[in-house]
Amino acid sequence: MLTIHGFGRVNSKVVGLTRDLRVLWALEELGVPYRVHGVDHPAGELGSEEFRRMNPFAQVPVLEDEGFVLTESGAILLYLAEKTGRLMPADFQGRAQVMRWCFAALNSVEPPLFQLVMIDLFGAADPTGAQRRPGVVQYAERVLGAVEAWLEGRPYLAGEAFTVADILMVTVLREVRNAGVLEGFPRVSAYRERCEQRPAWQRTLDAYEQRLGVPAGSAR
């Protein structure tokens, strides 16, 4: 059985934003058996010697599969897709397009969105945040505009089928769901909503909230 090292306890400010959700969503879509080993972040478990042997960056998620250990959420999703032959096209060029959009989600779209969410999370504790925020919003709007244009006539990033690229992109978009930047991009917003209505995502959130012991709905 696959083991996922994900959060068992985390700072309340990042509930619903953690990257273990990407892997858990993929596993629910795939319907393969797995178990979650909850890591207590506030207690410092990520910094333990045992955990750092699995991931020297001291981050979750971590996948264990029959002694094989893999880190980085994008790599884990691609591994699961290749292992199961699902959430990924069968043809070579179709797979390349999915990988393209996995990298785009993490390397092109996420950087400005993550900067924005960090500015908002730190608030007044970041003395330059208010000054930097307008420029970061412009950066975010530029990359969101590219995704908006791409989604014209496409229900999902790679075409008609939902893939691991959509899991990565939607979990990136969720980072700024309360930042006020998605409203100007109706196709992006509709795409996010369409993906988040999937039963596997709802199951993922339900189990995540129960594991963290947070109120129902707080991760949405």
N, C-alpha and C. Protein backbone atom coordinates (compact mmCIF):
# COMPACT_ATOMS: atom_id res chain seq x y z
N MET A 1 0.84 -1.20 0.00
CA MET A 1 0.00 0.00 0.00
C MET A 1 0.87 1.25 0.00
N LEU A 2 0.45 2.25 -0.74
CA LEU A 2 1.17 3.52 -0.76
C LEU A 2 1.01 4.24 0.56
N THR A 3 2.06 4.91 1.00
CA THR A 3 2.01 5.75 2.18
C THR A 3 2.32 7.19 1.77
N ILE A 4 1.48 8.10 2.20
CA ILE A 4 1.71 9.52 1.96
C ILE A 4 1.99 10.18 3.30
N HIS A 5 3.12 10.84 3.37
CA HIS A 5 3.42 11.67 4.53
C HIS A 5 2.86 13.06 4.24
N GLY A 6 1.79 13.38 4.96
CA GLY A 6 1.13 14.66 4.80
C GLY A 6 0.95 15.29 6.17
N PHE A 7 0.29 16.42 6.19
CA PHE A 7 0.13 17.11 7.46
C PHE A 7 -0.90 16.44 8.35
N GLY A 8 -0.53 16.25 9.63
CA GLY A 8 -1.47 15.82 10.65
C GLY A 8 -1.89 16.99 11.50
N ARG A 9 -1.01 17.99 11.56
CA ARG A 9 -1.31 19.24 12.27
C ARG A 9 -0.50 20.34 11.62
N VAL A 10 -1.12 21.52 11.44
CA VAL A 10 -0.47 22.60 10.73
C VAL A 10 -1.02 23.93 11.24
N ASN A 11 -0.28 24.99 11.01
CA ASN A 11 -0.75 26.33 11.39
C ASN A 11 -2.09 26.62 10.73
N SER A 12 -3.01 27.16 11.48
CA SER A 12 -4.37 27.38 10.97
C SER A 12 -4.41 28.29 9.75
N LYS A 13 -3.42 29.17 9.60
CA LYS A 13 -3.43 30.11 8.48
C LYS A 13 -3.26 29.42 7.13
N VAL A 14 -2.69 28.23 7.11
CA VAL A 14 -2.44 27.57 5.83
C VAL A 14 -3.31 26.33 5.62
N VAL A 15 -4.31 26.15 6.45
CA VAL A 15 -5.24 25.04 6.23
C VAL A 15 -5.91 25.21 4.86
N GLY A 16 -5.86 24.18 4.06
CA GLY A 16 -6.44 24.23 2.71
C GLY A 16 -5.46 24.67 1.65
N LEU A 17 -4.26 25.09 2.05
CA LEU A 17 -3.25 25.53 1.09
C LEU A 17 -2.09 24.55 0.96
N THR A 18 -2.02 23.56 1.80
CA THR A 18 -0.84 22.69 1.86
C THR A 18 -0.77 21.77 0.64
N ARG A 19 0.45 21.45 0.26
CA ARG A 19 0.66 20.77 -1.02
C ARG A 19 0.44 19.26 -0.95
N ASP A 20 0.25 18.72 0.25
CA ASP A 20 -0.13 17.31 0.31
C ASP A 20 -1.51 17.09 -0.31
N LEU A 21 -2.33 18.14 -0.36
CA LEU A 21 -3.66 18.02 -0.96
C LEU A 21 -3.59 17.60 -2.42
N ARG A 22 -2.54 18.00 -3.12
CA ARG A 22 -2.40 17.63 -4.53
C ARG A 22 -2.29 16.12 -4.70
N VAL A 23 -1.47 15.53 -3.88
CA VAL A 23 -1.26 14.08 -3.98
C VAL A 23 -2.50 13.33 -3.51
N LEU A 24 -3.09 13.78 -2.43
CA LEU A 24 -4.28 13.13 -1.90
C LEU A 24 -5.43 13.18 -2.90
N TRP A 25 -5.57 14.31 -3.59
CA TRP A 25 -6.61 14.43 -4.62
C TRP A 25 -6.35 13.42 -5.74
N ALA A 26 -5.11 13.34 -6.20
CA ALA A 26 -4.79 12.39 -7.26
C ALA A 26 -5.10 10.96 -6.84
N LEU A 27 -4.76 10.60 -5.62
CA LEU A 27 -5.03 9.25 -5.15
C LEU A 27 -6.52 8.95 -5.07
N GLU A 28 -7.30 9.95 -4.67
CA GLU A 28 -8.76 9.76 -4.64
C GLU A 28 -9.31 9.60 -6.05
N GLU A 29 -8.78 10.36 -7.00
CA GLU A 29 -9.21 10.21 -8.40
C GLU A 29 -8.86 8.82 -8.92
N LEU A 30 -7.69 8.33 -8.55
CA LEU A 30 -7.22 7.04 -9.06
C LEU A 30 -7.88 5.86 -8.36
N GLY A 31 -8.34 6.08 -7.13
CA GLY A 31 -8.99 5.00 -6.39
C GLY A 31 -8.06 3.90 -5.95
N VAL A 32 -6.78 4.21 -5.77
CA VAL A 32 -5.83 3.19 -5.31
C VAL A 32 -5.74 3.25 -3.79
N PRO A 33 -5.47 2.12 -3.14
CA PRO A 33 -5.38 2.13 -1.67
C PRO A 33 -4.14 2.88 -1.20
N TYR A 34 -4.30 3.64 -0.14
CA TYR A 34 -3.18 4.38 0.43
C TYR A 34 -3.49 4.67 1.88
N ARG A 35 -2.44 5.01 2.61
CA ARG A 35 -2.63 5.47 3.97
C ARG A 35 -1.87 6.77 4.14
N VAL A 36 -2.30 7.58 5.08
CA VAL A 36 -1.67 8.87 5.34
C VAL A 36 -0.97 8.81 6.69
N HIS A 37 0.29 9.15 6.68
CA HIS A 37 1.04 9.33 7.93
C HIS A 37 1.05 10.82 8.23
N GLY A 38 0.34 11.23 9.25
CA GLY A 38 0.23 12.64 9.58
C GLY A 38 1.46 13.16 10.28
N VAL A 39 2.01 14.26 9.77
CA VAL A 39 3.19 14.89 10.34
C VAL A 39 2.76 16.13 11.11
N ASP A 40 3.27 16.26 12.31
CA ASP A 40 2.92 17.40 13.17
C ASP A 40 3.91 18.53 12.92
N HIS A 41 3.51 19.48 12.08
CA HIS A 41 4.40 20.59 11.73
C HIS A 41 4.71 21.49 12.93
N PRO A 42 3.70 21.98 13.69
CA PRO A 42 4.02 22.85 14.82
C PRO A 42 4.95 22.21 15.86
N ALA A 43 4.90 20.89 15.97
CA ALA A 43 5.76 20.20 16.94
C ALA A 43 7.18 19.98 16.41
N GLY A 44 7.42 20.35 15.15
CA GLY A 44 8.76 20.26 14.60
C GLY A 44 9.12 18.93 13.97
N GLU A 45 8.13 18.09 13.67
CA GLU A 45 8.45 16.78 13.11
C GLU A 45 9.11 16.86 11.73
N LEU A 46 8.83 17.91 10.98
CA LEU A 46 9.45 18.04 9.66
C LEU A 46 10.97 18.19 9.77
N GLY A 47 11.43 18.72 10.89
CA GLY A 47 12.85 18.92 11.06
C GLY A 47 13.58 17.76 11.69
N SER A 48 12.87 16.68 11.95
CA SER A 48 13.51 15.53 12.60
C SER A 48 14.51 14.87 11.65
N GLU A 49 15.49 14.20 12.22
CA GLU A 49 16.49 13.51 11.41
C GLU A 49 15.85 12.43 10.55
N GLU A 50 14.88 11.74 11.10
CA GLU A 50 14.19 10.68 10.35
C GLU A 50 13.49 11.24 9.12
N PHE A 51 12.80 12.37 9.29
CA PHE A 51 12.08 12.93 8.15
C PHE A 51 13.05 13.49 7.11
N ARG A 52 14.12 14.12 7.56
CA ARG A 52 15.08 14.69 6.63
C ARG A 52 15.81 13.62 5.81
N ARG A 53 15.84 12.41 6.30
CA ARG A 53 16.41 11.33 5.49
C ARG A 53 15.54 11.05 4.28
N MET A 54 14.23 11.28 4.40
CA MET A 54 13.33 11.10 3.26
C MET A 54 13.33 12.33 2.37
N ASN A 55 13.32 13.51 2.98
CA ASN A 55 13.28 14.76 2.22
C ASN A 55 14.20 15.78 2.88
N PRO A 56 15.37 16.03 2.30
CA PRO A 56 16.31 16.96 2.92
C PRO A 56 15.78 18.39 3.01
N PHE A 57 14.74 18.70 2.23
CA PHE A 57 14.14 20.03 2.29
C PHE A 57 13.11 20.15 3.41
N ALA A 58 12.86 19.05 4.11
CA ALA A 58 11.94 19.05 5.26
C ALA A 58 10.56 19.54 4.87
N GLN A 59 10.02 18.97 3.80
CA GLN A 59 8.70 19.37 3.31
C GLN A 59 7.83 18.14 3.08
N VAL A 60 6.53 18.34 3.12
CA VAL A 60 5.58 17.33 2.66
C VAL A 60 4.96 17.85 1.35
N PRO A 61 4.49 16.93 0.52
CA PRO A 61 4.29 15.50 0.74
C PRO A 61 5.53 14.67 0.42
N VAL A 62 5.50 13.46 0.97
CA VAL A 62 6.48 12.43 0.63
C VAL A 62 5.69 11.17 0.33
N LEU A 63 6.05 10.49 -0.75
CA LEU A 63 5.42 9.23 -1.14
C LEU A 63 6.37 8.09 -0.85
N GLU A 64 5.85 7.03 -0.23
CA GLU A 64 6.58 5.78 -0.08
C GLU A 64 5.81 4.69 -0.80
N ASP A 65 6.50 3.96 -1.67
CA ASP A 65 5.88 2.90 -2.45
C ASP A 65 6.81 1.68 -2.45
N GLU A 66 6.53 0.75 -1.53
CA GLU A 66 7.33 -0.48 -1.45
C GLU A 66 8.82 -0.16 -1.31
N GLY A 67 9.16 0.77 -0.44
CA GLY A 67 10.56 1.11 -0.21
C GLY A 67 11.09 2.22 -1.09
N PHE A 68 10.35 2.57 -2.14
CA PHE A 68 10.75 3.67 -3.01
C PHE A 68 10.20 4.97 -2.44
N VAL A 69 11.06 5.97 -2.29
CA VAL A 69 10.66 7.24 -1.70
C VAL A 69 10.76 8.34 -2.75
N LEU A 70 9.71 9.15 -2.84
CA LEU A 70 9.69 10.24 -3.81
C LEU A 70 9.12 11.49 -3.15
N THR A 71 9.74 12.63 -3.44
CA THR A 71 9.26 13.90 -2.93
C THR A 71 8.95 14.83 -4.09
N GLU A 72 8.43 16.01 -3.76
CA GLU A 72 8.00 17.05 -4.70
C GLU A 72 6.64 16.67 -5.30
N SER A 73 5.65 17.50 -5.04
CA SER A 73 4.27 17.16 -5.40
C SER A 73 4.10 16.92 -6.90
N GLY A 74 4.74 17.72 -7.74
CA GLY A 74 4.62 17.52 -9.18
C GLY A 74 5.19 16.19 -9.62
N ALA A 75 6.35 15.84 -9.09
CA ALA A 75 6.98 14.57 -9.44
C ALA A 75 6.12 13.40 -8.96
N ILE A 76 5.53 13.53 -7.78
CA ILE A 76 4.69 12.45 -7.26
C ILE A 76 3.47 12.25 -8.14
N LEU A 77 2.83 13.33 -8.58
CA LEU A 77 1.66 13.19 -9.44
C LEU A 77 2.01 12.54 -10.76
N LEU A 78 3.13 12.92 -11.35
CA LEU A 78 3.54 12.29 -12.60
C LEU A 78 3.87 10.82 -12.39
N TYR A 79 4.47 10.49 -11.27
CA TYR A 79 4.77 9.09 -10.94
C TYR A 79 3.49 8.27 -10.83
N LEU A 80 2.50 8.81 -10.12
CA LEU A 80 1.25 8.09 -9.95
C LEU A 80 0.53 7.90 -11.28
N ALA A 81 0.58 8.92 -12.14
CA ALA A 81 -0.06 8.80 -13.45
C ALA A 81 0.62 7.74 -14.30
N GLU A 82 1.95 7.73 -14.28
CA GLU A 82 2.69 6.73 -15.05
C GLU A 82 2.48 5.33 -14.47
N LYS A 83 2.44 5.23 -13.17
CA LYS A 83 2.29 3.93 -12.51
C LYS A 83 0.93 3.29 -12.82
N THR A 84 -0.11 4.12 -12.84
CA THR A 84 -1.47 3.60 -13.01
C THR A 84 -1.96 3.67 -14.44
N GLY A 85 -1.31 4.49 -15.28
CA GLY A 85 -1.79 4.68 -16.64
C GLY A 85 -3.06 5.50 -16.71
N ARG A 86 -3.29 6.32 -15.68
CA ARG A 86 -4.51 7.14 -15.63
C ARG A 86 -4.15 8.59 -15.32
N LEU A 87 -5.11 9.47 -15.58
CA LEU A 87 -4.92 10.92 -15.43
C LEU A 87 -3.79 11.43 -16.32
N MET A 88 -3.55 10.69 -17.40
CA MET A 88 -2.48 11.01 -18.34
C MET A 88 -2.81 10.35 -19.68
N PRO A 89 -2.68 11.04 -20.81
CA PRO A 89 -2.94 10.40 -22.10
C PRO A 89 -2.00 9.24 -22.36
N ALA A 90 -2.42 8.35 -23.22
CA ALA A 90 -1.59 7.19 -23.55
C ALA A 90 -0.54 7.51 -24.60
N ASP A 91 -0.81 8.49 -25.47
CA ASP A 91 0.14 8.79 -26.55
C ASP A 91 1.26 9.71 -26.06
N PHE A 92 2.40 9.59 -26.69
CA PHE A 92 3.60 10.30 -26.27
C PHE A 92 3.41 11.81 -26.26
N GLN A 93 2.88 12.36 -27.35
CA GLN A 93 2.74 13.81 -27.42
C GLN A 93 1.65 14.32 -26.47
N GLY A 94 0.63 13.52 -26.26
CA GLY A 94 -0.39 13.89 -25.27
C GLY A 94 0.19 13.95 -23.88
N ARG A 95 1.05 12.99 -23.56
CA ARG A 95 1.71 13.00 -22.25
C ARG A 95 2.64 14.20 -22.12
N ALA A 96 3.31 14.55 -23.22
CA ALA A 96 4.20 15.71 -23.19
C ALA A 96 3.42 16.99 -22.90
N GLN A 97 2.22 17.10 -23.46
CA GLN A 97 1.39 18.29 -23.20
C GLN A 97 0.99 18.36 -21.73
N VAL A 98 0.65 17.21 -21.15
CA VAL A 98 0.29 17.20 -19.73
C VAL A 98 1.49 17.61 -18.88
N MET A 99 2.67 17.06 -19.20
CA MET A 99 3.87 17.43 -18.45
C MET A 99 4.16 18.92 -18.63
N ARG A 100 3.95 19.42 -19.83
CA ARG A 100 4.14 20.86 -20.08
C ARG A 100 3.31 21.69 -19.11
N TRP A 101 2.04 21.32 -18.95
CA TRP A 101 1.16 22.11 -18.09
C TRP A 101 1.39 21.86 -16.61
N CYS A 102 1.95 20.70 -16.28
CA CYS A 102 2.39 20.51 -14.89
C CYS A 102 3.51 21.50 -14.56
N PHE A 103 4.48 21.59 -15.47
CA PHE A 103 5.58 22.53 -15.24
C PHE A 103 5.10 23.97 -15.27
N ALA A 104 4.16 24.27 -16.17
CA ALA A 104 3.63 25.63 -16.24
C ALA A 104 2.93 26.03 -14.95
N ALA A 105 2.15 25.11 -14.40
CA ALA A 105 1.44 25.40 -13.15
C ALA A 105 2.43 25.75 -12.04
N LEU A 106 3.52 24.98 -11.93
CA LEU A 106 4.45 25.15 -10.83
C LEU A 106 5.51 26.21 -11.08
N ASN A 107 5.90 26.40 -12.35
CA ASN A 107 7.02 27.30 -12.65
C ASN A 107 6.60 28.65 -13.20
N SER A 108 5.46 28.71 -13.89
CA SER A 108 5.02 29.97 -14.49
C SER A 108 3.89 30.63 -13.71
N VAL A 109 2.93 29.83 -13.25
CA VAL A 109 1.74 30.39 -12.61
C VAL A 109 1.93 30.53 -11.09
N GLU A 110 2.50 29.54 -10.46
CA GLU A 110 2.56 29.57 -9.00
C GLU A 110 3.47 30.67 -8.41
N PRO A 111 4.62 31.01 -9.01
CA PRO A 111 5.50 31.99 -8.34
C PRO A 111 4.82 33.30 -7.96
N PRO A 112 4.11 34.00 -8.87
CA PRO A 112 3.48 35.25 -8.42
C PRO A 112 2.30 35.01 -7.48
N LEU A 113 1.57 33.93 -7.68
CA LEU A 113 0.43 33.66 -6.81
C LEU A 113 0.91 33.34 -5.40
N PHE A 114 1.99 32.60 -5.30
CA PHE A 114 2.52 32.26 -3.97
C PHE A 114 3.08 33.51 -3.28
N GLN A 115 3.73 34.37 -4.05
CA GLN A 115 4.20 35.63 -3.47
C GLN A 115 3.03 36.43 -2.90
N LEU A 116 1.94 36.46 -3.64
CA LEU A 116 0.78 37.23 -3.22
C LEU A 116 0.17 36.66 -1.94
N VAL A 117 0.03 35.35 -1.88
CA VAL A 117 -0.57 34.75 -0.69
C VAL A 117 0.33 34.94 0.52
N MET A 118 1.64 34.93 0.33
CA MET A 118 2.54 35.15 1.46
C MET A 118 2.46 36.59 1.96
N ILE A 119 2.35 37.54 1.05
CA ILE A 119 2.17 38.94 1.46
C ILE A 119 0.91 39.08 2.30
N ASP A 120 -0.16 38.45 1.84
CA ASP A 120 -1.44 38.56 2.56
C ASP A 120 -1.41 37.81 3.89
N LEU A 121 -0.70 36.68 3.93
CA LEU A 121 -0.62 35.92 5.18
C LEU A 121 0.16 36.68 6.25
N PHE A 122 1.25 37.31 5.85
CA PHE A 122 2.08 38.02 6.83
C PHE A 122 1.47 39.37 7.23
N GLY A 123 0.73 39.98 6.31
CA GLY A 123 0.07 41.24 6.64
C GLY A 123 1.05 42.30 7.13
N ALA A 124 0.72 42.93 8.25
CA ALA A 124 1.54 44.01 8.80
C ALA A 124 2.91 43.53 9.25
N ALA A 125 3.07 42.23 9.45
CA ALA A 125 4.37 41.71 9.86
C ALA A 125 5.41 41.80 8.75
N ASP A 126 4.95 42.01 7.53
CA ASP A 126 5.85 42.21 6.39
C ASP A 126 5.91 43.70 6.10
N PRO A 127 6.97 44.38 6.47
CA PRO A 127 7.01 45.84 6.36
C PRO A 127 6.97 46.37 4.94
N THR A 128 7.33 45.54 3.96
CA THR A 128 7.32 45.99 2.56
C THR A 128 6.17 45.37 1.76
N GLY A 129 5.34 44.56 2.42
CA GLY A 129 4.29 43.84 1.71
C GLY A 129 3.32 44.75 0.98
N ALA A 130 2.82 45.79 1.67
CA ALA A 130 1.85 46.69 1.05
C ALA A 130 2.45 47.40 -0.16
N GLN A 131 3.73 47.73 -0.10
CA GLN A 131 4.40 48.40 -1.20
C GLN A 131 4.59 47.45 -2.40
N ARG A 132 4.91 46.19 -2.12
CA ARG A 132 5.18 45.22 -3.18
C ARG A 132 3.91 44.63 -3.79
N ARG A 133 2.82 44.64 -3.06
CA ARG A 133 1.63 43.92 -3.49
C ARG A 133 1.10 44.35 -4.86
N PRO A 134 0.99 45.65 -5.18
CA PRO A 134 0.46 46.01 -6.51
C PRO A 134 1.28 45.42 -7.66
N GLY A 135 2.60 45.41 -7.53
CA GLY A 135 3.43 44.83 -8.58
C GLY A 135 3.24 43.34 -8.69
N VAL A 136 3.09 42.67 -7.56
CA VAL A 136 2.87 41.22 -7.58
C VAL A 136 1.51 40.91 -8.19
N VAL A 137 0.50 41.76 -7.90
CA VAL A 137 -0.83 41.56 -8.49
C VAL A 137 -0.74 41.67 -10.01
N GLN A 138 0.02 42.63 -10.52
CA GLN A 138 0.18 42.77 -11.97
C GLN A 138 0.84 41.53 -12.56
N TYR A 139 1.84 41.02 -11.89
CA TYR A 139 2.51 39.79 -12.31
C TYR A 139 1.53 38.63 -12.32
N ALA A 140 0.74 38.50 -11.27
CA ALA A 140 -0.26 37.43 -11.19
C ALA A 140 -1.29 37.55 -12.30
N GLU A 141 -1.74 38.76 -12.57
CA GLU A 141 -2.74 38.97 -13.61
C GLU A 141 -2.19 38.63 -14.99
N ARG A 142 -0.91 38.86 -15.19
CA ARG A 142 -0.31 38.52 -16.48
C ARG A 142 -0.35 37.01 -16.72
N VAL A 143 0.04 36.22 -15.72
CA VAL A 143 0.04 34.78 -15.92
C VAL A 143 -1.37 34.22 -15.94
N LEU A 144 -2.27 34.80 -15.15
CA LEU A 144 -3.67 34.35 -15.18
C LEU A 144 -4.31 34.67 -16.53
N GLY A 145 -3.91 35.77 -17.13
CA GLY A 145 -4.42 36.11 -18.46
C GLY A 145 -4.00 35.08 -19.49
N ALA A 146 -2.80 34.54 -19.35
CA ALA A 146 -2.34 33.50 -20.27
C ALA A 146 -3.16 32.23 -20.12
N VAL A 147 -3.46 31.85 -18.88
CA VAL A 147 -4.29 30.67 -18.64
C VAL A 147 -5.71 30.92 -19.14
N GLU A 148 -6.22 32.12 -18.92
CA GLU A 148 -7.57 32.49 -19.40
C GLU A 148 -7.67 32.30 -20.91
N ALA A 149 -6.67 32.78 -21.64
CA ALA A 149 -6.69 32.65 -23.10
C ALA A 149 -6.59 31.19 -23.52
N TRP A 150 -5.77 30.42 -22.83
CA TRP A 150 -5.59 29.02 -23.19
C TRP A 150 -6.86 28.21 -23.00
N LEU A 151 -7.64 28.54 -22.00
CA LEU A 151 -8.83 27.76 -21.68
C LEU A 151 -10.00 28.04 -22.62
N GLU A 152 -9.88 28.98 -23.54
CA GLU A 152 -10.97 29.22 -24.48
C GLU A 152 -11.20 27.97 -25.32
N GLY A 153 -12.38 27.41 -25.23
CA GLY A 153 -12.73 26.22 -25.99
C GLY A 153 -12.18 24.92 -25.41
N ARG A 154 -11.57 24.99 -24.25
CA ARG A 154 -11.00 23.79 -23.62
C ARG A 154 -11.58 23.63 -22.22
N PRO A 155 -12.18 22.49 -21.90
CA PRO A 155 -12.65 22.29 -20.53
C PRO A 155 -11.51 22.07 -19.55
N TYR A 156 -10.42 21.48 -20.03
CA TYR A 156 -9.26 21.20 -19.18
C TYR A 156 -7.99 21.61 -19.91
N LEU A 157 -6.89 21.65 -19.21
CA LEU A 157 -5.65 22.18 -19.78
C LEU A 157 -5.19 21.42 -21.01
N ALA A 158 -5.30 20.10 -20.98
CA ALA A 158 -4.83 19.29 -22.08
C ALA A 158 -5.94 18.91 -23.05
N GLY A 159 -7.11 19.53 -22.92
CA GLY A 159 -8.22 19.24 -23.83
C GLY A 159 -9.46 18.77 -23.12
N GLU A 160 -9.99 17.64 -23.54
CA GLU A 160 -11.27 17.15 -23.02
C GLU A 160 -11.13 16.36 -21.73
N ALA A 161 -9.95 15.85 -21.43
CA ALA A 161 -9.79 14.95 -20.29
C ALA A 161 -9.12 15.65 -19.11
N PHE A 162 -9.61 15.37 -17.92
CA PHE A 162 -9.03 15.84 -16.68
C PHE A 162 -7.75 15.05 -16.41
N THR A 163 -6.65 15.74 -16.09
CA THR A 163 -5.37 15.08 -15.89
C THR A 163 -4.67 15.61 -14.63
N VAL A 164 -3.49 15.05 -14.35
CA VAL A 164 -2.73 15.52 -13.20
C VAL A 164 -2.34 16.99 -13.35
N ALA A 165 -2.24 17.48 -14.58
CA ALA A 165 -1.93 18.90 -14.78
C ALA A 165 -3.03 19.78 -14.20
N ASP A 166 -4.27 19.34 -14.30
CA ASP A 166 -5.39 20.11 -13.75
C ASP A 166 -5.35 20.10 -12.22
N ILE A 167 -4.96 19.00 -11.64
CA ILE A 167 -4.83 18.95 -10.18
C ILE A 167 -3.81 19.98 -9.71
N LEU A 168 -2.66 20.01 -10.38
CA LEU A 168 -1.63 20.97 -9.99
C LEU A 168 -2.10 22.40 -10.22
N MET A 169 -2.69 22.67 -11.37
CA MET A 169 -3.11 24.05 -11.66
C MET A 169 -4.19 24.53 -10.70
N VAL A 170 -5.17 23.70 -10.43
CA VAL A 170 -6.26 24.13 -9.56
C VAL A 170 -5.78 24.35 -8.14
N THR A 171 -4.90 23.49 -7.66
CA THR A 171 -4.39 23.70 -6.30
C THR A 171 -3.51 24.95 -6.23
N VAL A 172 -2.87 25.31 -7.33
CA VAL A 172 -2.14 26.58 -7.39
C VAL A 172 -3.13 27.75 -7.38
N LEU A 173 -4.16 27.67 -8.18
CA LEU A 173 -5.16 28.74 -8.24
C LEU A 173 -5.83 28.95 -6.89
N ARG A 174 -6.03 27.87 -6.16
CA ARG A 174 -6.68 27.99 -4.85
C ARG A 174 -5.88 28.85 -3.87
N GLU A 175 -4.59 28.95 -4.10
CA GLU A 175 -3.76 29.73 -3.19
C GLU A 175 -4.26 31.17 -3.08
N VAL A 176 -4.83 31.69 -4.18
CA VAL A 176 -5.26 33.09 -4.17
C VAL A 176 -6.79 33.20 -4.22
N ARG A 177 -7.47 32.17 -3.74
CA ARG A 177 -8.93 32.19 -3.84
C ARG A 177 -9.55 33.33 -3.03
N ASN A 178 -8.83 33.86 -2.06
CA ASN A 178 -9.36 34.96 -1.25
C ASN A 178 -8.59 36.26 -1.47
N ALA A 179 -7.78 36.32 -2.51
CA ALA A 179 -6.92 37.49 -2.74
C ALA A 179 -7.53 38.52 -3.68
N GLY A 180 -8.68 38.19 -4.30
CA GLY A 180 -9.36 39.14 -5.16
C GLY A 180 -8.78 39.29 -6.56
N VAL A 181 -7.98 38.30 -7.01
CA VAL A 181 -7.38 38.43 -8.35
C VAL A 181 -8.03 37.51 -9.39
N LEU A 182 -8.83 36.55 -8.95
CA LEU A 182 -9.43 35.62 -9.92
C LEU A 182 -10.70 36.15 -10.55
N GLU A 183 -11.32 37.16 -9.93
CA GLU A 183 -12.62 37.64 -10.40
C GLU A 183 -12.58 38.17 -11.84
N GLY A 184 -11.44 38.68 -12.26
CA GLY A 184 -11.34 39.23 -13.60
C GLY A 184 -11.07 38.21 -14.68
N PHE A 185 -11.10 36.93 -14.32
CA PHE A 185 -10.78 35.87 -15.27
C PHE A 185 -11.87 34.81 -15.23
N PRO A 186 -12.96 35.04 -15.96
CA PRO A 186 -14.13 34.16 -15.83
C PRO A 186 -13.88 32.73 -16.27
N ARG A 187 -13.06 32.52 -17.30
CA ARG A 187 -12.79 31.14 -17.72
C ARG A 187 -11.95 30.42 -16.67
N VAL A 188 -10.97 31.11 -16.11
CA VAL A 188 -10.16 30.50 -15.06
C VAL A 188 -11.02 30.16 -13.85
N SER A 189 -11.90 31.08 -13.47
CA SER A 189 -12.76 30.85 -12.30
C SER A 189 -13.71 29.69 -12.55
N ALA A 190 -14.29 29.62 -13.76
CA ALA A 190 -15.21 28.52 -14.08
C ALA A 190 -14.47 27.20 -14.13
N TYR A 191 -13.26 27.23 -14.65
CA TYR A 191 -12.42 26.03 -14.71
C TYR A 191 -12.12 25.52 -13.30
N ARG A 192 -11.72 26.42 -12.43
CA ARG A 192 -11.44 26.02 -11.05
C ARG A 192 -12.68 25.42 -10.40
N GLU A 193 -13.80 26.08 -10.57
CA GLU A 193 -15.04 25.58 -9.97
C GLU A 193 -15.41 24.22 -10.53
N ARG A 194 -15.25 24.03 -11.84
CA ARG A 194 -15.59 22.76 -12.47
C ARG A 194 -14.73 21.62 -11.89
N CYS A 195 -13.46 21.88 -11.72
CA CYS A 195 -12.57 20.85 -11.17
C CYS A 195 -12.86 20.58 -9.70
N GLU A 196 -13.16 21.63 -8.95
CA GLU A 196 -13.39 21.45 -7.52
C GLU A 196 -14.74 20.79 -7.21
N GLN A 197 -15.59 20.67 -8.21
CA GLN A 197 -16.86 19.97 -8.01
C GLN A 197 -16.70 18.47 -8.14
N ARG A 198 -15.54 18.02 -8.52
CA ARG A 198 -15.33 16.58 -8.69
C ARG A 198 -15.46 15.87 -7.34
N PRO A 199 -16.15 14.74 -7.30
CA PRO A 199 -16.34 14.02 -6.03
C PRO A 199 -15.02 13.67 -5.33
N ALA A 200 -14.00 13.35 -6.10
CA ALA A 200 -12.71 12.98 -5.49
C ALA A 200 -12.12 14.15 -4.70
N TRP A 201 -12.31 15.36 -5.20
CA TRP A 201 -11.81 16.53 -4.47
C TRP A 201 -12.60 16.74 -3.19
N GLN A 202 -13.89 16.55 -3.24
CA GLN A 202 -14.71 16.70 -2.04
C GLN A 202 -14.32 15.66 -0.98
N ARG A 203 -14.06 14.43 -1.42
CA ARG A 203 -13.62 13.41 -0.48
C ARG A 203 -12.27 13.77 0.13
N THR A 204 -11.40 14.32 -0.71
CA THR A 204 -10.08 14.72 -0.24
C THR A 204 -10.19 15.77 0.86
N LEU A 205 -11.00 16.79 0.63
CA LEU A 205 -11.15 17.85 1.63
C LEU A 205 -11.78 17.34 2.92
N ASP A 206 -12.79 16.48 2.78
CA ASP A 206 -13.44 15.94 3.98
C ASP A 206 -12.44 15.19 4.86
N ALA A 207 -11.64 14.31 4.24
CA ALA A 207 -10.67 13.53 5.00
C ALA A 207 -9.57 14.42 5.58
N TYR A 208 -9.17 15.41 4.82
CA TYR A 208 -8.12 16.35 5.25
C TYR A 208 -8.57 17.12 6.49
N GLU A 209 -9.79 17.65 6.46
CA GLU A 209 -10.30 18.41 7.60
C GLU A 209 -10.43 17.52 8.83
N GLN A 210 -10.88 16.29 8.63
CA GLN A 210 -11.00 15.37 9.76
C GLN A 210 -9.63 15.04 10.35
N ARG A 211 -8.65 14.81 9.47
CA ARG A 211 -7.32 14.46 9.97
C ARG A 211 -6.70 15.62 10.75
N LEU A 212 -6.87 16.84 10.27
CA LEU A 212 -6.29 17.99 10.94
C LEU A 212 -7.10 18.41 12.18
N GLY A 213 -8.32 17.89 12.29
CA GLY A 213 -9.17 18.27 13.42
C GLY A 213 -9.65 19.69 13.35
N VAL A 214 -9.92 20.17 12.12
CA VAL A 214 -10.38 21.56 11.94
C VAL A 214 -11.88 21.52 11.60
N PRO A 215 -12.58 22.64 11.78
CA PRO A 215 -14.01 22.66 11.48
C PRO A 215 -14.31 22.32 10.02
N ALA A 216 -15.41 21.64 9.80
CA ALA A 216 -15.83 21.29 8.44
C ALA A 216 -15.99 22.58 7.62
N GLY A 217 -15.44 22.56 6.43
CA GLY A 217 -15.54 23.72 5.56
C GLY A 217 -14.37 24.68 5.66
N SER A 218 -13.52 24.51 6.66
CA SER A 218 -12.43 25.48 6.84
C SER A 218 -11.33 25.37 5.80
N ALA A 219 -11.25 24.25 5.08
CA ALA A 219 -10.23 24.08 4.05
C ALA A 219 -10.73 24.50 2.68
N ARG A 220 -12.02 24.87 2.58
CA ARG A 220 -12.56 25.22 1.28
C ARG A 220 -12.23 26.64 0.88
